[in-house]
Amino acid sequence: MVLLRFPREGEGRGGIPLTGKVSGGPSFWSRLGWLVAIWSASVGTLGVAALAFRWLMSLAGMTP
């Protein structure tokens, strides 16, 4: 099969397996820790942005 003038035959590439668990991957707790850290950072950033907008609105006299 030829796709974009590149033949499919040739030496195998070290691709990502589509099934099964990859040995040596991050543990459940590591992944959960990253999830919590990214979620906390996004909520904190949203809070800072909301406070900044509230401050700007108070400077413009839009809030009491």
PDB file of N, CA and C in Angstrom:
ATOM      1  N   MET A   1       0.849  -1.168   0.000  1.00  0.00           N
ATOM      2  CA  MET A   1       0.000   0.000   0.000  1.00  0.00           C
ATOM      3  C   MET A   1       0.898   1.236   0.000  1.00  0.00           C
ATOM      4  N   VAL A   2       0.561   2.199  -0.802  1.00  0.00           N
ATOM      5  CA  VAL A   2       1.337   3.429  -0.871  1.00  0.00           C
ATOM      6  C   VAL A   2       0.431   4.582  -0.462  1.00  0.00           C
ATOM      7  N   LEU A   3       0.903   5.375   0.497  1.00  0.00           N
ATOM      8  CA  LEU A   3       0.153   6.526   0.975  1.00  0.00           C
ATOM      9  C   LEU A   3       1.051   7.742   0.877  1.00  0.00           C
ATOM     10  N   LEU A   4       0.637   8.718   0.109  1.00  0.00           N
ATOM     11  CA  LEU A   4       1.416   9.935  -0.096  1.00  0.00           C
ATOM     12  C   LEU A   4       2.829   9.625  -0.588  1.00  0.00           C
ATOM     13  N   ARG A   5       2.927   8.638  -1.460  1.00  0.00           N
ATOM     14  CA  ARG A   5       4.188   8.233  -2.083  1.00  0.00           C
ATOM     15  C   ARG A   5       5.184   7.597  -1.097  1.00  0.00           C
ATOM     16  N   PHE A   6       4.729   7.202   0.080  1.00  0.00           N
ATOM     17  CA  PHE A   6       5.588   6.520   1.043  1.00  0.00           C
ATOM     18  C   PHE A   6       5.086   5.092   1.194  1.00  0.00           C
ATOM     19  N   PRO A   7       5.925   4.110   0.894  1.00  0.00           N
ATOM     20  CA  PRO A   7       5.474   2.720   1.033  1.00  0.00           C
ATOM     21  C   PRO A   7       5.306   2.358   2.506  1.00  0.00           C
ATOM     22  N   ARG A   8       4.369   1.472   2.751  1.00  0.00           N
ATOM     23  CA  ARG A   8       4.095   1.053   4.121  1.00  0.00           C
ATOM     24  C   ARG A   8       5.140   0.049   4.611  1.00  0.00           C
ATOM     25  N   GLU A   9       5.777  -0.652   3.722  1.00  0.00           N
ATOM     26  CA  GLU A   9       6.769  -1.636   4.136  1.00  0.00           C
ATOM     27  C   GLU A   9       8.008  -0.941   4.686  1.00  0.00           C
ATOM     28  N   GLY A  10       8.724  -1.650   5.460  1.00  0.00           N
ATOM     29  CA  GLY A  10       9.954  -1.108   6.015  1.00  0.00           C
ATOM     30  C   GLY A  10      10.115  -1.576   7.444  1.00  0.00           C
ATOM     31  N   GLU A  11      11.135  -1.074   8.088  1.00  0.00           N
ATOM     32  CA  GLU A  11      11.367  -1.507   9.456  1.00  0.00           C
ATOM     33  C   GLU A  11      10.280  -0.949  10.362  1.00  0.00           C
ATOM     34  N   GLY A  12       9.947  -1.712  11.380  1.00  0.00           N
ATOM     35  CA  GLY A  12       8.881  -1.325  12.299  1.00  0.00           C
ATOM     36  C   GLY A  12       9.232  -0.086  13.094  1.00  0.00           C
ATOM     37  N   ARG A  13       8.236   0.677  13.383  1.00  0.00           N
ATOM     38  CA  ARG A  13       8.430   1.883  14.194  1.00  0.00           C
ATOM     39  C   ARG A  13       7.995   1.572  15.617  1.00  0.00           C
ATOM     40  N   GLY A  14       8.623   2.167  16.575  1.00  0.00           N
ATOM     41  CA  GLY A  14       8.279   1.955  17.970  1.00  0.00           C
ATOM     42  C   GLY A  14       7.082   2.794  18.363  1.00  0.00           C
ATOM     43  N   GLY A  15       5.917   2.445  17.875  1.00  0.00           N
ATOM     44  CA  GLY A  15       4.716   3.234  18.127  1.00  0.00           C
ATOM     45  C   GLY A  15       4.117   2.973  19.490  1.00  0.00           C
ATOM     46  N   ILE A  16       3.035   3.643  19.746  1.00  0.00           N
ATOM     47  CA  ILE A  16       2.311   3.511  21.008  1.00  0.00           C
ATOM     48  C   ILE A  16       1.337   2.342  20.879  1.00  0.00           C
ATOM     49  N   PRO A  17       1.360   1.389  21.817  1.00  0.00           N
ATOM     50  CA  PRO A  17       0.406   0.287  21.737  1.00  0.00           C
ATOM     51  C   PRO A  17      -1.011   0.791  21.991  1.00  0.00           C
ATOM     52  N   LEU A  18      -1.953   0.256  21.236  1.00  0.00           N
ATOM     53  CA  LEU A  18      -3.335   0.714  21.354  1.00  0.00           C
ATOM     54  C   LEU A  18      -4.125  -0.073  22.380  1.00  0.00           C
ATOM     55  N   THR A  19      -3.637  -1.213  22.801  1.00  0.00           N
ATOM     56  CA  THR A  19      -4.338  -2.022  23.790  1.00  0.00           C
ATOM     57  C   THR A  19      -3.376  -2.450  24.875  1.00  0.00           C
ATOM     58  N   GLY A  20      -3.920  -2.800  25.991  1.00  0.00           N
ATOM     59  CA  GLY A  20      -3.091  -3.310  27.074  1.00  0.00           C
ATOM     60  C   GLY A  20      -2.448  -2.191  27.885  1.00  0.00           C
ATOM     61  N   LYS A  21      -1.904  -2.588  29.028  1.00  0.00           N
ATOM     62  CA  LYS A  21      -1.256  -1.622  29.896  1.00  0.00           C
ATOM     63  C   LYS A  21       0.224  -1.524  29.550  1.00  0.00           C
ATOM     64  N   VAL A  22       0.721  -0.325  29.483  1.00  0.00           N
ATOM     65  CA  VAL A  22       2.133  -0.110  29.209  1.00  0.00           C
ATOM     66  C   VAL A  22       2.891  -0.301  30.509  1.00  0.00           C
ATOM     67  N   SER A  23       3.892  -1.158  30.493  1.00  0.00           N
ATOM     68  CA  SER A  23       4.654  -1.391  31.712  1.00  0.00           C
ATOM     69  C   SER A  23       5.491  -0.156  32.043  1.00  0.00           C
ATOM     70  N   GLY A  24       5.581   0.135  33.301  1.00  0.00           N
ATOM     71  CA  GLY A  24       6.382   1.272  33.724  1.00  0.00           C
ATOM     72  C   GLY A  24       5.659   2.601  33.607  1.00  0.00           C
ATOM     73  N   GLY A  25       4.369   2.586  33.335  1.00  0.00           N
ATOM     74  CA  GLY A  25       3.613   3.821  33.228  1.00  0.00           C
ATOM     75  C   GLY A  25       3.340   4.407  34.604  1.00  0.00           C
ATOM     76  N   PRO A  26       2.806   5.613  34.644  1.00  0.00           N
ATOM     77  CA  PRO A  26       2.517   6.237  35.935  1.00  0.00           C
ATOM     78  C   PRO A  26       1.425   5.480  36.688  1.00  0.00           C
ATOM     79  N   SER A  27       1.536   5.491  38.002  1.00  0.00           N
ATOM     80  CA  SER A  27       0.569   4.770  38.821  1.00  0.00           C
ATOM     81  C   SER A  27      -0.743   5.547  38.896  1.00  0.00           C
ATOM     82  N   PHE A  28      -1.754   4.887  39.430  1.00  0.00           N
ATOM     83  CA  PHE A  28      -3.066   5.515  39.598  1.00  0.00           C
ATOM     84  C   PHE A  28      -2.967   6.761  40.460  1.00  0.00           C
ATOM     85  N   TRP A  29      -2.224   6.670  41.561  1.00  0.00           N
ATOM     86  CA  TRP A  29      -2.125   7.804  42.488  1.00  0.00           C
ATOM     87  C   TRP A  29      -1.367   8.964  41.869  1.00  0.00           C
ATOM     88  N   SER A  30      -0.397   8.671  41.042  1.00  0.00           N
ATOM     89  CA  SER A  30       0.333   9.724  40.344  1.00  0.00           C
ATOM     90  C   SER A  30      -0.587  10.460  39.373  1.00  0.00           C
ATOM     91  N   ARG A  31      -1.357   9.696  38.606  1.00  0.00           N
ATOM     92  CA  ARG A  31      -2.299  10.315  37.662  1.00  0.00           C
ATOM     93  C   ARG A  31      -3.373  11.102  38.389  1.00  0.00           C
ATOM     94  N   LEU A  32      -3.868  10.551  39.510  1.00  0.00           N
ATOM     95  CA  LEU A  32      -4.880  11.258  40.294  1.00  0.00           C
ATOM     96  C   LEU A  32      -4.305  12.538  40.883  1.00  0.00           C
ATOM     97  N   GLY A  33      -3.059  12.495  41.316  1.00  0.00           N
ATOM     98  CA  GLY A  33      -2.406  13.695  41.842  1.00  0.00           C
ATOM     99  C   GLY A  33      -2.297  14.788  40.791  1.00  0.00           C
ATOM    100  N   TRP A  34      -1.909  14.398  39.571  1.00  0.00           N
ATOM    101  CA  TRP A  34      -1.833  15.383  38.488  1.00  0.00           C
ATOM    102  C   TRP A  34      -3.208  15.953  38.158  1.00  0.00           C
ATOM    103  N   LEU A  35      -4.230  15.111  38.162  1.00  0.00           N
ATOM    104  CA  LEU A  35      -5.597  15.575  37.907  1.00  0.00           C
ATOM    105  C   LEU A  35      -6.012  16.619  38.929  1.00  0.00           C
ATOM    106  N   VAL A  36      -5.773  16.331  40.197  1.00  0.00           N
ATOM    107  CA  VAL A  36      -6.138  17.267  41.268  1.00  0.00           C
ATOM    108  C   VAL A  36      -5.319  18.549  41.161  1.00  0.00           C
ATOM    109  N   ALA A  37      -4.038  18.433  40.853  1.00  0.00           N
ATOM    110  CA  ALA A  37      -3.183  19.614  40.741  1.00  0.00           C
ATOM    111  C   ALA A  37      -3.616  20.515  39.584  1.00  0.00           C
ATOM    112  N   ILE A  38      -3.915  19.925  38.434  1.00  0.00           N
ATOM    113  CA  ILE A  38      -4.338  20.721  37.283  1.00  0.00           C
ATOM    114  C   ILE A  38      -5.709  21.339  37.533  1.00  0.00           C
ATOM    115  N   TRP A  39      -6.623  20.590  38.135  1.00  0.00           N
ATOM    116  CA  TRP A  39      -7.945  21.116  38.456  1.00  0.00           C
ATOM    117  C   TRP A  39      -7.832  22.275  39.450  1.00  0.00           C
ATOM    118  N   SER A  40      -7.019  22.113  40.485  1.00  0.00           N
ATOM    119  CA  SER A  40      -6.841  23.174  41.483  1.00  0.00           C
ATOM    120  C   SER A  40      -6.235  24.423  40.855  1.00  0.00           C
ATOM    121  N   ALA A  41      -5.265  24.241  39.985  1.00  0.00           N
ATOM    122  CA  ALA A  41      -4.645  25.383  39.320  1.00  0.00           C
ATOM    123  C   ALA A  41      -5.651  26.114  38.434  1.00  0.00           C
ATOM    124  N   SER A  42      -6.508  25.374  37.746  1.00  0.00           N
ATOM    125  CA  SER A  42      -7.492  26.022  36.876  1.00  0.00           C
ATOM    126  C   SER A  42      -8.543  26.758  37.690  1.00  0.00           C
ATOM    127  N   VAL A  43      -8.985  26.180  38.794  1.00  0.00           N
ATOM    128  CA  VAL A  43      -9.965  26.855  39.650  1.00  0.00           C
ATOM    129  C   VAL A  43      -9.341  28.096  40.281  1.00  0.00           C
ATOM    130  N   GLY A  44      -8.096  28.002  40.712  1.00  0.00           N
ATOM    131  CA  GLY A  44      -7.408  29.159  41.284  1.00  0.00           C
ATOM    132  C   GLY A  44      -7.223  30.276  40.269  1.00  0.00           C
ATOM    133  N   THR A  45      -6.863  29.911  39.056  1.00  0.00           N
ATOM    134  CA  THR A  45      -6.700  30.914  38.000  1.00  0.00           C
ATOM    135  C   THR A  45      -8.014  31.589  37.685  1.00  0.00           C
ATOM    136  N   LEU A  46      -9.091  30.823  37.622  1.00  0.00           N
ATOM    137  CA  LEU A  46     -10.413  31.397  37.383  1.00  0.00           C
ATOM    138  C   LEU A  46     -10.808  32.341  38.514  1.00  0.00           C
ATOM    139  N   GLY A  47     -10.491  31.980  39.752  1.00  0.00           N
ATOM    140  CA  GLY A  47     -10.783  32.856  40.885  1.00  0.00           C
ATOM    141  C   GLY A  47     -10.015  34.167  40.820  1.00  0.00           C
ATOM    142  N   VAL A  48      -8.751  34.091  40.454  1.00  0.00           N
ATOM    143  CA  VAL A  48      -7.939  35.311  40.321  1.00  0.00           C
ATOM    144  C   VAL A  48      -8.490  36.201  39.217  1.00  0.00           C
ATOM    145  N   ALA A  49      -8.895  35.591  38.093  1.00  0.00           N
ATOM    146  CA  ALA A  49      -9.469  36.371  36.990  1.00  0.00           C
ATOM    147  C   ALA A  49     -10.776  37.029  37.425  1.00  0.00           C
ATOM    148  N   ALA A  50     -11.614  36.312  38.177  1.00  0.00           N
ATOM    149  CA  ALA A  50     -12.874  36.875  38.648  1.00  0.00           C
ATOM    150  C   ALA A  50     -12.623  38.051  39.599  1.00  0.00           C
ATOM    151  N   LEU A  51     -11.653  37.903  40.490  1.00  0.00           N
ATOM    152  CA  LEU A  51     -11.331  39.003  41.401  1.00  0.00           C
ATOM    153  C   LEU A  51     -10.792  40.211  40.641  1.00  0.00           C
ATOM    154  N   ALA A  52     -10.000  39.964  39.603  1.00  0.00           N
ATOM    155  CA  ALA A  52      -9.468  41.063  38.799  1.00  0.00           C
ATOM    156  C   ALA A  52     -10.598  41.811  38.091  1.00  0.00           C
ATOM    157  N   PHE A  53     -11.535  41.064  37.508  1.00  0.00           N
ATOM    158  CA  PHE A  53     -12.671  41.715  36.862  1.00  0.00           C
ATOM    159  C   PHE A  53     -13.530  42.478  37.866  1.00  0.00           C
ATOM    160  N   ARG A  54     -13.721  41.916  39.039  1.00  0.00           N
ATOM    161  CA  ARG A  54     -14.509  42.602  40.068  1.00  0.00           C
ATOM    162  C   ARG A  54     -13.820  43.901  40.494  1.00  0.00           C
ATOM    163  N   TRP A  55     -12.499  43.857  40.626  1.00  0.00           N
ATOM    164  CA  TRP A  55     -11.736  45.044  40.993  1.00  0.00           C
ATOM    165  C   TRP A  55     -11.843  46.108  39.899  1.00  0.00           C
ATOM    166  N   LEU A  56     -11.709  45.679  38.633  1.00  0.00           N
ATOM    167  CA  LEU A  56     -11.840  46.629  37.528  1.00  0.00           C
ATOM    168  C   LEU A  56     -13.245  47.233  37.470  1.00  0.00           C
ATOM    169  N   MET A  57     -14.259  46.438  37.738  1.00  0.00           N
ATOM    170  CA  MET A  57     -15.631  46.940  37.740  1.00  0.00           C
ATOM    171  C   MET A  57     -15.852  47.929  38.867  1.00  0.00           C
ATOM    172  N   SER A  58     -15.231  47.688  40.025  1.00  0.00           N
ATOM    173  CA  SER A  58     -15.392  48.633  41.134  1.00  0.00           C
ATOM    174  C   SER A  58     -14.653  49.952  40.826  1.00  0.00           C
ATOM    175  N   LEU A  59     -13.529  49.867  40.127  1.00  0.00           N
ATOM    176  CA  LEU A  59     -12.817  51.093  39.718  1.00  0.00           C
ATOM    177  C   LEU A  59     -13.660  51.901  38.735  1.00  0.00           C
ATOM    178  N   ALA A  60     -14.427  51.226  37.895  1.00  0.00           N
ATOM    179  CA  ALA A  60     -15.258  51.911  36.908  1.00  0.00           C
ATOM    180  C   ALA A  60     -16.589  52.357  37.498  1.00  0.00           C
ATOM    181  N   GLY A  61     -16.846  52.020  38.754  1.00  0.00           N
ATOM    182  CA  GLY A  61     -18.083  52.435  39.407  1.00  0.00           C
ATOM    183  C   GLY A  61     -19.274  51.580  39.041  1.00  0.00           C
ATOM    184  N   MET A  62     -19.038  50.386  38.592  1.00  0.00           N
ATOM    185  CA  MET A  62     -20.130  49.505  38.179  1.00  0.00           C
ATOM    186  C   MET A  62     -20.664  48.647  39.323  1.00  0.00           C
ATOM    187  N   THR A  63     -19.934  48.586  40.434  1.00  0.00           N
ATOM    188  CA  THR A  63     -20.405  47.815  41.600  1.00  0.00           C
ATOM    189  C   THR A  63     -20.307  48.723  42.827  1.00  0.00           C
ATOM    190  N   PRO A  64     -21.176  48.510  43.775  1.00  0.00           N
ATOM    191  CA  PRO A  64     -21.151  49.347  44.994  1.00  0.00           C
ATOM    192  C   PRO A  64     -19.977  49.068  45.883  1.00  0.00           C
TER     193      PRO A  64
END
